[in-house]
Amino acid sequence: MIFIVVKFDVKPESVGGFPDAVKEFTEATRSEPGNLWFEWSKSLEKDNEFVLVEAFTDEGAEPHVKGEHFKNGLEAMRPHLASTPKIISRKIDGEGWDEMGELQID
């Protein structure tokens, strides 16, 4: 699978509206056949940082970045960003989340 984490530095005045700005992009991506997950979080340390954790099947990543909704989604984000997002994108073994071996809850 292709595992991706992206950090978005959002302008302070856009923090409240950022989830709405990415809603259409998020919904379209989640409906793609190759999408495994597409999950947004807000940083606990930085008030204006949003973190996107996403994964695609090996075959699903390329159609994602070539889709019209991808281009539109990036343009919808652009006016809300204070800087270029930071990304880690790697092909890894696996098909989803595993349980954490070091912290088992009975």
PDB file of N, CA and C in Angstrom:
ATOM      1  N   MET A   1       0.840  -1.177   0.000  1.00  0.00           N
ATOM      2  CA  MET A   1       0.000   0.000   0.000  1.00  0.00           C
ATOM      3  C   MET A   1       0.879   1.232   0.000  1.00  0.00           C
ATOM      4  N   ILE A   2       0.313   2.339  -0.431  1.00  0.00           N
ATOM      5  CA  ILE A   2       0.982   3.632  -0.391  1.00  0.00           C
ATOM      6  C   ILE A   2       0.454   4.364   0.842  1.00  0.00           C
ATOM      7  N   PHE A   3       1.350   4.691   1.766  1.00  0.00           N
ATOM      8  CA  PHE A   3       1.005   5.349   3.028  1.00  0.00           C
ATOM      9  C   PHE A   3       1.536   6.775   2.983  1.00  0.00           C
ATOM     10  N   ILE A   4       0.671   7.741   3.268  1.00  0.00           N
ATOM     11  CA  ILE A   4       1.016   9.153   3.114  1.00  0.00           C
ATOM     12  C   ILE A   4       0.598   9.926   4.360  1.00  0.00           C
ATOM     13  N   VAL A   5       1.484  10.805   4.817  1.00  0.00           N
ATOM     14  CA  VAL A   5       1.163  11.741   5.885  1.00  0.00           C
ATOM     15  C   VAL A   5       1.537  13.130   5.380  1.00  0.00           C
ATOM     16  N   VAL A   6       0.604  14.070   5.493  1.00  0.00           N
ATOM     17  CA  VAL A   6       0.844  15.435   5.036  1.00  0.00           C
ATOM     18  C   VAL A   6       0.506  16.394   6.171  1.00  0.00           C
ATOM     19  N   LYS A   7       1.409  17.343   6.429  1.00  0.00           N
ATOM     20  CA  LYS A   7       1.173  18.383   7.431  1.00  0.00           C
ATOM     21  C   LYS A   7       0.873  19.690   6.706  1.00  0.00           C
ATOM     22  N   PHE A   8      -0.242  20.322   7.086  1.00  0.00           N
ATOM     23  CA  PHE A   8      -0.689  21.565   6.473  1.00  0.00           C
ATOM     24  C   PHE A   8      -0.599  22.703   7.483  1.00  0.00           C
ATOM     25  N   ASP A   9       0.160  23.728   7.153  1.00  0.00           N
ATOM     26  CA  ASP A   9       0.295  24.938   7.964  1.00  0.00           C
ATOM     27  C   ASP A   9      -0.768  25.919   7.471  1.00  0.00           C
ATOM     28  N   VAL A  10      -1.859  26.009   8.216  1.00  0.00           N
ATOM     29  CA  VAL A  10      -3.022  26.791   7.806  1.00  0.00           C
ATOM     30  C   VAL A  10      -2.927  28.204   8.382  1.00  0.00           C
ATOM     31  N   LYS A  11      -3.305  29.188   7.589  1.00  0.00           N
ATOM     32  CA  LYS A  11      -3.324  30.572   8.071  1.00  0.00           C
ATOM     33  C   LYS A  11      -4.225  30.656   9.303  1.00  0.00           C
ATOM     34  N   PRO A  12      -3.817  31.420  10.318  1.00  0.00           N
ATOM     35  CA  PRO A  12      -4.625  31.503  11.539  1.00  0.00           C
ATOM     36  C   PRO A  12      -6.088  31.871  11.283  1.00  0.00           C
ATOM     37  N   GLU A  13      -6.328  32.760  10.347  1.00  0.00           N
ATOM     38  CA  GLU A  13      -7.706  33.184  10.067  1.00  0.00           C
ATOM     39  C   GLU A  13      -8.513  32.114   9.322  1.00  0.00           C
ATOM     40  N   SER A  14      -7.855  31.053   8.847  1.00  0.00           N
ATOM     41  CA  SER A  14      -8.534  29.989   8.103  1.00  0.00           C
ATOM     42  C   SER A  14      -8.737  28.706   8.907  1.00  0.00           C
ATOM     43  N   VAL A  15      -8.206  28.653  10.120  1.00  0.00           N
ATOM     44  CA  VAL A  15      -8.270  27.413  10.901  1.00  0.00           C
ATOM     45  C   VAL A  15      -9.707  26.934  11.079  1.00  0.00           C
ATOM     46  N   GLY A  16     -10.618  27.807  11.437  1.00  0.00           N
ATOM     47  CA  GLY A  16     -12.006  27.417  11.663  1.00  0.00           C
ATOM     48  C   GLY A  16     -12.709  26.920  10.420  1.00  0.00           C
ATOM     49  N   GLY A  17     -12.396  27.472   9.275  1.00  0.00           N
ATOM     50  CA  GLY A  17     -13.064  27.111   8.036  1.00  0.00           C
ATOM     51  C   GLY A  17     -12.355  26.057   7.200  1.00  0.00           C
ATOM     52  N   PHE A  18     -11.162  25.649   7.623  1.00  0.00           N
ATOM     53  CA  PHE A  18     -10.387  24.703   6.813  1.00  0.00           C
ATOM     54  C   PHE A  18     -11.105  23.369   6.606  1.00  0.00           C
ATOM     55  N   PRO A  19     -11.733  22.779   7.632  1.00  0.00           N
ATOM     56  CA  PRO A  19     -12.452  21.520   7.379  1.00  0.00           C
ATOM     57  C   PRO A  19     -13.523  21.644   6.296  1.00  0.00           C
ATOM     58  N   ASP A  20     -14.221  22.760   6.247  1.00  0.00           N
ATOM     59  CA  ASP A  20     -15.216  22.968   5.190  1.00  0.00           C
ATOM     60  C   ASP A  20     -14.551  23.136   3.830  1.00  0.00           C
ATOM     61  N   ALA A  21     -13.391  23.784   3.812  1.00  0.00           N
ATOM     62  CA  ALA A  21     -12.685  24.006   2.548  1.00  0.00           C
ATOM     63  C   ALA A  21     -12.218  22.697   1.916  1.00  0.00           C
ATOM     64  N   VAL A  22     -11.937  21.675   2.736  1.00  0.00           N
ATOM     65  CA  VAL A  22     -11.443  20.397   2.208  1.00  0.00           C
ATOM     66  C   VAL A  22     -12.517  19.308   2.182  1.00  0.00           C
ATOM     67  N   LYS A  23     -13.739  19.655   2.546  1.00  0.00           N
ATOM     68  CA  LYS A  23     -14.809  18.657   2.652  1.00  0.00           C
ATOM     69  C   LYS A  23     -15.088  17.944   1.327  1.00  0.00           C
ATOM     70  N   GLU A  24     -15.267  18.692   0.263  1.00  0.00           N
ATOM     71  CA  GLU A  24     -15.577  18.085  -1.040  1.00  0.00           C
ATOM     72  C   GLU A  24     -14.438  17.179  -1.514  1.00  0.00           C
ATOM     73  N   PHE A  25     -13.209  17.656  -1.361  1.00  0.00           N
ATOM     74  CA  PHE A  25     -12.027  16.874  -1.724  1.00  0.00           C
ATOM     75  C   PHE A  25     -11.967  15.590  -0.899  1.00  0.00           C
ATOM     76  N   THR A  26     -12.221  15.712   0.401  1.00  0.00           N
ATOM     77  CA  THR A  26     -12.186  14.561   1.297  1.00  0.00           C
ATOM     78  C   THR A  26     -13.228  13.520   0.893  1.00  0.00           C
ATOM     79  N   GLU A  27     -14.447  13.957   0.665  1.00  0.00           N
ATOM     80  CA  GLU A  27     -15.523  13.031   0.295  1.00  0.00           C
ATOM     81  C   GLU A  27     -15.239  12.344  -1.038  1.00  0.00           C
ATOM     82  N   ALA A  28     -14.732  13.103  -2.002  1.00  0.00           N
ATOM     83  CA  ALA A  28     -14.426  12.519  -3.312  1.00  0.00           C
ATOM     84  C   ALA A  28     -13.303  11.493  -3.202  1.00  0.00           C
ATOM     85  N   THR A  29     -12.292  11.797  -2.411  1.00  0.00           N
ATOM     86  CA  THR A  29     -11.168  10.879  -2.258  1.00  0.00           C
ATOM     87  C   THR A  29     -11.598   9.604  -1.548  1.00  0.00           C
ATOM     88  N   ARG A  30     -12.390   9.742  -0.511  1.00  0.00           N
ATOM     89  CA  ARG A  30     -12.854   8.564   0.238  1.00  0.00           C
ATOM     90  C   ARG A  30     -13.701   7.633  -0.624  1.00  0.00           C
ATOM     91  N   SER A  31     -14.311   8.153  -1.673  1.00  0.00           N
ATOM     92  CA  SER A  31     -15.152   7.311  -2.535  1.00  0.00           C
ATOM     93  C   SER A  31     -14.355   6.629  -3.654  1.00  0.00           C
ATOM     94  N   GLU A  32     -13.076   6.946  -3.777  1.00  0.00           N
ATOM     95  CA  GLU A  32     -12.249   6.311  -4.804  1.00  0.00           C
ATOM     96  C   GLU A  32     -12.074   4.824  -4.501  1.00  0.00           C
ATOM     97  N   PRO A  33     -12.111   3.967  -5.535  1.00  0.00           N
ATOM     98  CA  PRO A  33     -11.947   2.524  -5.318  1.00  0.00           C
ATOM     99  C   PRO A  33     -10.623   2.159  -4.641  1.00  0.00           C
ATOM    100  N   GLY A  34      -9.557   2.879  -4.912  1.00  0.00           N
ATOM    101  CA  GLY A  34      -8.245   2.540  -4.353  1.00  0.00           C
ATOM    102  C   GLY A  34      -7.928   3.182  -3.021  1.00  0.00           C
ATOM    103  N   ASN A  35      -8.840   3.968  -2.467  1.00  0.00           N
ATOM    104  CA  ASN A  35      -8.588   4.625  -1.183  1.00  0.00           C
ATOM    105  C   ASN A  35      -8.852   3.670  -0.034  1.00  0.00           C
ATOM    106  N   LEU A  36      -7.887   3.553   0.870  1.00  0.00           N
ATOM    107  CA  LEU A  36      -8.050   2.723   2.065  1.00  0.00           C
ATOM    108  C   LEU A  36      -8.524   3.564   3.247  1.00  0.00           C
ATOM    109  N   TRP A  37      -7.961   4.755   3.390  1.00  0.00           N
ATOM    110  CA  TRP A  37      -8.456   5.731   4.363  1.00  0.00           C
ATOM    111  C   TRP A  37      -7.907   7.101   4.034  1.00  0.00           C
ATOM    112  N   PHE A  38      -8.581   8.112   4.556  1.00  0.00           N
ATOM    113  CA  PHE A  38      -8.256   9.513   4.303  1.00  0.00           C
ATOM    114  C   PHE A  38      -8.765  10.258   5.533  1.00  0.00           C
ATOM    115  N   GLU A  39      -7.883  10.470   6.523  1.00  0.00           N
ATOM    116  CA  GLU A  39      -8.287  10.947   7.838  1.00  0.00           C
ATOM    117  C   GLU A  39      -7.550  12.224   8.234  1.00  0.00           C
ATOM    118  N   TRP A  40      -8.320  13.231   8.592  1.00  0.00           N
ATOM    119  CA  TRP A  40      -7.778  14.511   9.034  1.00  0.00           C
ATOM    120  C   TRP A  40      -7.706  14.560  10.557  1.00  0.00           C
ATOM    121  N   SER A  41      -6.663  15.199  11.073  1.00  0.00           N
ATOM    122  CA  SER A  41      -6.515  15.484  12.500  1.00  0.00           C
ATOM    123  C   SER A  41      -5.968  16.884  12.655  1.00  0.00           C
ATOM    124  N   LYS A  42      -6.166  17.425  13.839  1.00  0.00           N
ATOM    125  CA  LYS A  42      -5.620  18.739  14.161  1.00  0.00           C
ATOM    126  C   LYS A  42      -4.528  18.547  15.199  1.00  0.00           C
ATOM    127  N   SER A  43      -3.403  19.190  15.006  1.00  0.00           N
ATOM    128  CA  SER A  43      -2.270  19.059  15.916  1.00  0.00           C
ATOM    129  C   SER A  43      -2.627  19.532  17.322  1.00  0.00           C
ATOM    130  N   LEU A  44      -2.096  18.845  18.318  1.00  0.00           N
ATOM    131  CA  LEU A  44      -2.256  19.273  19.712  1.00  0.00           C
ATOM    132  C   LEU A  44      -1.232  20.334  20.086  1.00  0.00           C
ATOM    133  N   GLU A  45      -0.124  20.390  19.341  1.00  0.00           N
ATOM    134  CA  GLU A  45       0.952  21.320  19.654  1.00  0.00           C
ATOM    135  C   GLU A  45       0.876  22.638  18.876  1.00  0.00           C
ATOM    136  N   LYS A  46       0.384  22.580  17.655  1.00  0.00           N
ATOM    137  CA  LYS A  46       0.359  23.761  16.792  1.00  0.00           C
ATOM    138  C   LYS A  46      -1.086  24.072  16.424  1.00  0.00           C
ATOM    139  N   ASP A  47      -1.577  25.199  16.872  1.00  0.00           N
ATOM    140  CA  ASP A  47      -2.985  25.564  16.670  1.00  0.00           C
ATOM    141  C   ASP A  47      -3.414  25.625  15.211  1.00  0.00           C
ATOM    142  N   ASN A  48      -2.474  25.898  14.320  1.00  0.00           N
ATOM    143  CA  ASN A  48      -2.844  26.061  12.911  1.00  0.00           C
ATOM    144  C   ASN A  48      -2.352  24.916  12.021  1.00  0.00           C
ATOM    145  N   GLU A  49      -2.036  23.770  12.624  1.00  0.00           N
ATOM    146  CA  GLU A  49      -1.557  22.640  11.822  1.00  0.00           C
ATOM    147  C   GLU A  49      -2.603  21.532  11.758  1.00  0.00           C
ATOM    148  N   PHE A  50      -2.897  21.110  10.515  1.00  0.00           N
ATOM    149  CA  PHE A  50      -3.753  19.967  10.271  1.00  0.00           C
ATOM    150  C   PHE A  50      -2.887  18.865   9.691  1.00  0.00           C
ATOM    151  N   VAL A  51      -3.189  17.625  10.053  1.00  0.00           N
ATOM    152  CA  VAL A  51      -2.418  16.478   9.590  1.00  0.00           C
ATOM    153  C   VAL A  51      -3.364  15.525   8.871  1.00  0.00           C
ATOM    154  N   LEU A  52      -2.988  15.129   7.680  1.00  0.00           N
ATOM    155  CA  LEU A  52      -3.764  14.192   6.877  1.00  0.00           C
ATOM    156  C   LEU A  52      -3.007  12.870   6.809  1.00  0.00           C
ATOM    157  N   VAL A  53      -3.667  11.789   7.235  1.00  0.00           N
ATOM    158  CA  VAL A  53      -3.107  10.445   7.136  1.00  0.00           C
ATOM    159  C   VAL A  53      -3.970   9.714   6.115  1.00  0.00           C
ATOM    160  N   GLU A  54      -3.328   9.234   5.061  1.00  0.00           N
ATOM    161  CA  GLU A  54      -4.084   8.596   3.980  1.00  0.00           C
ATOM    162  C   GLU A  54      -3.337   7.367   3.473  1.00  0.00           C
ATOM    163  N   ALA A  55      -4.090   6.462   2.877  1.00  0.00           N
ATOM    164  CA  ALA A  55      -3.481   5.270   2.294  1.00  0.00           C
ATOM    165  C   ALA A  55      -4.291   4.838   1.083  1.00  0.00           C
ATOM    166  N   PHE A  56      -3.570   4.275   0.130  1.00  0.00           N
ATOM    167  CA  PHE A  56      -4.163   3.793  -1.110  1.00  0.00           C
ATOM    168  C   PHE A  56      -3.593   2.422  -1.443  1.00  0.00           C
ATOM    169  N   THR A  57      -4.364   1.645  -2.163  1.00  0.00           N
ATOM    170  CA  THR A  57      -3.804   0.434  -2.737  1.00  0.00           C
ATOM    171  C   THR A  57      -2.688   0.855  -3.689  1.00  0.00           C
ATOM    172  N   ASP A  58      -1.808  -0.068  -4.003  1.00  0.00           N
ATOM    173  CA  ASP A  58      -0.717   0.259  -4.920  1.00  0.00           C
ATOM    174  C   ASP A  58      -1.248   0.805  -6.238  1.00  0.00           C
ATOM    175  N   GLU A  59      -2.385   0.276  -6.683  1.00  0.00           N
ATOM    176  CA  GLU A  59      -2.972   0.704  -7.952  1.00  0.00           C
ATOM    177  C   GLU A  59      -3.800   1.985  -7.798  1.00  0.00           C
ATOM    178  N   GLY A  60      -4.182   2.332  -6.578  1.00  0.00           N
ATOM    179  CA  GLY A  60      -5.091   3.450  -6.366  1.00  0.00           C
ATOM    180  C   GLY A  60      -4.448   4.809  -6.235  1.00  0.00           C
ATOM    181  N   ALA A  61      -3.156   4.854  -5.947  1.00  0.00           N
ATOM    182  CA  ALA A  61      -2.500   6.141  -5.711  1.00  0.00           C
ATOM    183  C   ALA A  61      -2.394   6.985  -6.981  1.00  0.00           C
ATOM    184  N   GLU A  62      -1.999   6.379  -8.086  1.00  0.00           N
ATOM    185  CA  GLU A  62      -1.824   7.144  -9.322  1.00  0.00           C
ATOM    186  C   GLU A  62      -3.135   7.741  -9.835  1.00  0.00           C
ATOM    187  N   PRO A  63      -4.227   6.969  -9.880  1.00  0.00           N
ATOM    188  CA  PRO A  63      -5.481   7.588 -10.314  1.00  0.00           C
ATOM    189  C   PRO A  63      -5.923   8.725  -9.387  1.00  0.00           C
ATOM    190  N   HIS A  64      -5.590   8.617  -8.106  1.00  0.00           N
ATOM    191  CA  HIS A  64      -5.947   9.679  -7.156  1.00  0.00           C
ATOM    192  C   HIS A  64      -5.322  11.009  -7.562  1.00  0.00           C
ATOM    193  N   VAL A  65      -4.022  11.020  -7.786  1.00  0.00           N
ATOM    194  CA  VAL A  65      -3.345  12.282  -8.089  1.00  0.00           C
ATOM    195  C   VAL A  65      -3.618  12.782  -9.500  1.00  0.00           C
ATOM    196  N   LYS A  66      -4.185  11.932 -10.349  1.00  0.00           N
ATOM    197  CA  LYS A  66      -4.524  12.351 -11.709  1.00  0.00           C
ATOM    198  C   LYS A  66      -5.988  12.764 -11.844  1.00  0.00           C
ATOM    199  N   GLY A  67      -6.759  12.594 -10.769  1.00  0.00           N
ATOM    200  CA  GLY A  67      -8.178  12.910 -10.824  1.00  0.00           C
ATOM    201  C   GLY A  67      -8.451  14.406 -10.787  1.00  0.00           C
ATOM    202  N   GLU A  68      -9.556  14.802 -11.384  1.00  0.00           N
ATOM    203  CA  GLU A  68      -9.944  16.219 -11.404  1.00  0.00           C
ATOM    204  C   GLU A  68     -10.190  16.737  -9.989  1.00  0.00           C
ATOM    205  N   HIS A  69     -10.776  15.907  -9.141  1.00  0.00           N
ATOM    206  CA  HIS A  69     -11.049  16.350  -7.770  1.00  0.00           C
ATOM    207  C   HIS A  69      -9.759  16.610  -6.990  1.00  0.00           C
ATOM    208  N   PHE A  70      -8.665  15.929  -7.361  1.00  0.00           N
ATOM    209  CA  PHE A  70      -7.383  16.173  -6.704  1.00  0.00           C
ATOM    210  C   PHE A  70      -6.908  17.597  -7.000  1.00  0.00           C
ATOM    211  N   LYS A  71      -6.915  17.942  -8.279  1.00  0.00           N
ATOM    212  CA  LYS A  71      -6.511  19.291  -8.693  1.00  0.00           C
ATOM    213  C   LYS A  71      -7.415  20.345  -8.047  1.00  0.00           C
ATOM    214  N   ASN A  72      -8.711  20.107  -8.075  1.00  0.00           N
ATOM    215  CA  ASN A  72      -9.655  21.051  -7.480  1.00  0.00           C
ATOM    216  C   ASN A  72      -9.473  21.155  -5.970  1.00  0.00           C
ATOM    217  N   GLY A  73      -9.187  20.026  -5.333  1.00  0.00           N
ATOM    218  CA  GLY A  73      -8.974  20.024  -3.891  1.00  0.00           C
ATOM    219  C   GLY A  73      -7.758  20.828  -3.485  1.00  0.00           C
ATOM    220  N   LEU A  74      -6.677  20.680  -4.239  1.00  0.00           N
ATOM    221  CA  LEU A  74      -5.473  21.456  -3.940  1.00  0.00           C
ATOM    222  C   LEU A  74      -5.727  22.947  -4.115  1.00  0.00           C
ATOM    223  N   GLU A  75      -6.448  23.298  -5.158  1.00  0.00           N
ATOM    224  CA  GLU A  75      -6.749  24.718  -5.383  1.00  0.00           C
ATOM    225  C   GLU A  75      -7.677  25.271  -4.298  1.00  0.00           C
ATOM    226  N   ALA A  76      -8.587  24.440  -3.786  1.00  0.00           N
ATOM    227  CA  ALA A  76      -9.471  24.882  -2.700  1.00  0.00           C
ATOM    228  C   ALA A  76      -8.679  25.138  -1.418  1.00  0.00           C
ATOM    229  N   MET A  77      -7.608  24.383  -1.211  1.00  0.00           N
ATOM    230  CA  MET A  77      -6.761  24.557  -0.025  1.00  0.00           C
ATOM    231  C   MET A  77      -5.847  25.767  -0.125  1.00  0.00           C
ATOM    232  N   ARG A  78      -5.359  26.019  -1.329  1.00  0.00           N
ATOM    233  CA  ARG A  78      -4.290  26.999  -1.545  1.00  0.00           C
ATOM    234  C   ARG A  78      -4.494  28.337  -0.812  1.00  0.00           C
ATOM    235  N   PRO A  79      -5.660  28.974  -0.885  1.00  0.00           N
ATOM    236  CA  PRO A  79      -5.787  30.282  -0.225  1.00  0.00           C
ATOM    237  C   PRO A  79      -5.765  30.212   1.308  1.00  0.00           C
ATOM    238  N   HIS A  80      -5.876  29.006   1.860  1.00  0.00           N
ATOM    239  CA  HIS A  80      -5.911  28.839   3.311  1.00  0.00           C
ATOM    240  C   HIS A  80      -4.551  28.476   3.908  1.00  0.00           C
ATOM    241  N   LEU A  81      -3.561  28.217   3.065  1.00  0.00           N
ATOM    242  CA  LEU A  81      -2.271  27.735   3.546  1.00  0.00           C
ATOM    243  C   LEU A  81      -1.252  28.847   3.723  1.00  0.00           C
ATOM    244  N   ALA A  82      -0.493  28.746   4.823  1.00  0.00           N
ATOM    245  CA  ALA A  82       0.556  29.725   5.118  1.00  0.00           C
ATOM    246  C   ALA A  82       1.886  29.328   4.493  1.00  0.00           C
ATOM    247  N   SER A  83       2.051  28.039   4.203  1.00  0.00           N
ATOM    248  CA  SER A  83       3.295  27.562   3.595  1.00  0.00           C
ATOM    249  C   SER A  83       3.021  26.258   2.841  1.00  0.00           C
ATOM    250  N   THR A  84       4.019  25.818   2.092  1.00  0.00           N
ATOM    251  CA  THR A  84       3.909  24.579   1.336  1.00  0.00           C
ATOM    252  C   THR A  84       3.790  23.400   2.299  1.00  0.00           C
ATOM    253  N   PRO A  85       2.818  22.516   2.094  1.00  0.00           N
ATOM    254  CA  PRO A  85       2.675  21.356   2.985  1.00  0.00           C
ATOM    255  C   PRO A  85       3.917  20.464   2.966  1.00  0.00           C
ATOM    256  N   LYS A  86       4.119  19.755   4.075  1.00  0.00           N
ATOM    257  CA  LYS A  86       5.213  18.787   4.219  1.00  0.00           C
ATOM    258  C   LYS A  86       4.613  17.395   4.094  1.00  0.00           C
ATOM    259  N   ILE A  87       5.290  16.501   3.348  1.00  0.00           N
ATOM    260  CA  ILE A  87       4.723  15.189   3.050  1.00  0.00           C
ATOM    261  C   ILE A  87       5.743  14.073   3.232  1.00  0.00           C
ATOM    262  N   ILE A  88       5.235  12.934   3.684  1.00  0.00           N
ATOM    263  CA  ILE A  88       5.963  11.668   3.644  1.00  0.00           C
ATOM    264  C   ILE A  88       5.066  10.716   2.873  1.00  0.00           C
ATOM    265  N   SER A  89       5.592  10.115   1.823  1.00  0.00           N
ATOM    266  CA  SER A  89       4.830   9.173   1.003  1.00  0.00           C
ATOM    267  C   SER A  89       5.713   7.962   0.748  1.00  0.00           C
ATOM    268  N   ARG A  90       5.255   6.788   1.216  1.00  0.00           N
ATOM    269  CA  ARG A  90       6.062   5.580   1.091  1.00  0.00           C
ATOM    270  C   ARG A  90       5.187   4.392   0.712  1.00  0.00           C
ATOM    271  N   LYS A  91       5.772   3.488  -0.040  1.00  0.00           N
ATOM    272  CA  LYS A  91       5.133   2.200  -0.295  1.00  0.00           C
ATOM    273  C   LYS A  91       5.551   1.280   0.847  1.00  0.00           C
ATOM    274  N   ILE A  92       4.564   0.699   1.514  1.00  0.00           N
ATOM    275  CA  ILE A  92       4.865  -0.178   2.639  1.00  0.00           C
ATOM    276  C   ILE A  92       4.082  -1.475   2.494  1.00  0.00           C
ATOM    277  N   ASP A  93       4.554  -2.506   3.178  1.00  0.00           N
ATOM    278  CA  ASP A  93       3.838  -3.770   3.212  1.00  0.00           C
ATOM    279  C   ASP A  93       2.608  -3.617   4.091  1.00  0.00           C
ATOM    280  N   GLY A  94       1.571  -4.340   3.769  1.00  0.00           N
ATOM    281  CA  GLY A  94       0.371  -4.338   4.589  1.00  0.00           C
ATOM    282  C   GLY A  94      -0.836  -3.866   3.806  1.00  0.00           C
ATOM    283  N   GLU A  95      -1.992  -4.052   4.437  1.00  0.00           N
ATOM    284  CA  GLU A  95      -3.253  -3.658   3.817  1.00  0.00           C
ATOM    285  C   GLU A  95      -4.106  -2.810   4.745  1.00  0.00           C
ATOM    286  N   GLY A  96      -3.583  -2.495   5.903  1.00  0.00           N
ATOM    287  CA  GLY A  96      -4.363  -1.709   6.854  1.00  0.00           C
ATOM    288  C   GLY A  96      -3.660  -1.603   8.187  1.00  0.00           C
ATOM    289  N   TRP A  97      -4.406  -1.161   9.177  1.00  0.00           N
ATOM    290  CA  TRP A  97      -3.865  -0.958  10.520  1.00  0.00           C
ATOM    291  C   TRP A  97      -3.721  -2.287  11.240  1.00  0.00           C
ATOM    292  N   ASP A  98      -2.612  -2.461  11.965  1.00  0.00           N
ATOM    293  CA  ASP A  98      -2.400  -3.614  12.822  1.00  0.00           C
ATOM    294  C   ASP A  98      -2.544  -3.177  14.282  1.00  0.00           C
ATOM    295  N   GLU A  99      -2.810  -4.137  15.162  1.00  0.00           N
ATOM    296  CA  GLU A  99      -2.843  -3.822  16.591  1.00  0.00           C
ATOM    297  C   GLU A  99      -1.434  -3.565  17.083  1.00  0.00           C
ATOM    298  N   MET A 100      -1.307  -2.662  18.022  1.00  0.00           N
ATOM    299  CA  MET A 100      -0.018  -2.321  18.609  1.00  0.00           C
ATOM    300  C   MET A 100       0.388  -3.417  19.603  1.00  0.00           C
ATOM    301  N   GLY A 101       1.489  -4.099  19.325  1.00  0.00           N
ATOM    302  CA  GLY A 101       1.933  -5.193  20.172  1.00  0.00           C
ATOM    303  C   GLY A 101       2.401  -4.752  21.551  1.00  0.00           C
ATOM    304  N   GLU A 102       2.939  -3.539  21.652  1.00  0.00           N
ATOM    305  CA  GLU A 102       3.497  -3.055  22.912  1.00  0.00           C
ATOM    306  C   GLU A 102       2.426  -2.554  23.898  1.00  0.00           C
ATOM    307  N   LEU A 103       1.189  -2.361  23.412  1.00  0.00           N
ATOM    308  CA  LEU A 103       0.130  -1.841  24.285  1.00  0.00           C
ATOM    309  C   LEU A 103      -1.160  -2.567  23.977  1.00  0.00           C
ATOM    310  N   GLN A 104      -1.336  -3.706  24.597  1.00  0.00           N
ATOM    311  CA  GLN A 104      -2.531  -4.513  24.405  1.00  0.00           C
ATOM    312  C   GLN A 104      -3.571  -4.183  25.477  1.00  0.00           C
ATOM    313  N   ILE A 105      -4.801  -4.010  25.089  1.00  0.00           N
ATOM    314  CA  ILE A 105      -5.894  -3.744  26.009  1.00  0.00           C
ATOM    315  C   ILE A 105      -6.801  -4.959  26.011  1.00  0.00           C
ATOM    316  N   ASP A 106      -7.012  -5.521  27.190  1.00  0.00           N
ATOM    317  CA  ASP A 106      -7.879  -6.709  27.309  1.00  0.00           C
ATOM    318  C   ASP A 106      -9.324  -6.334  27.464  1.00  0.00           C
TER     319      ASP A 106
END
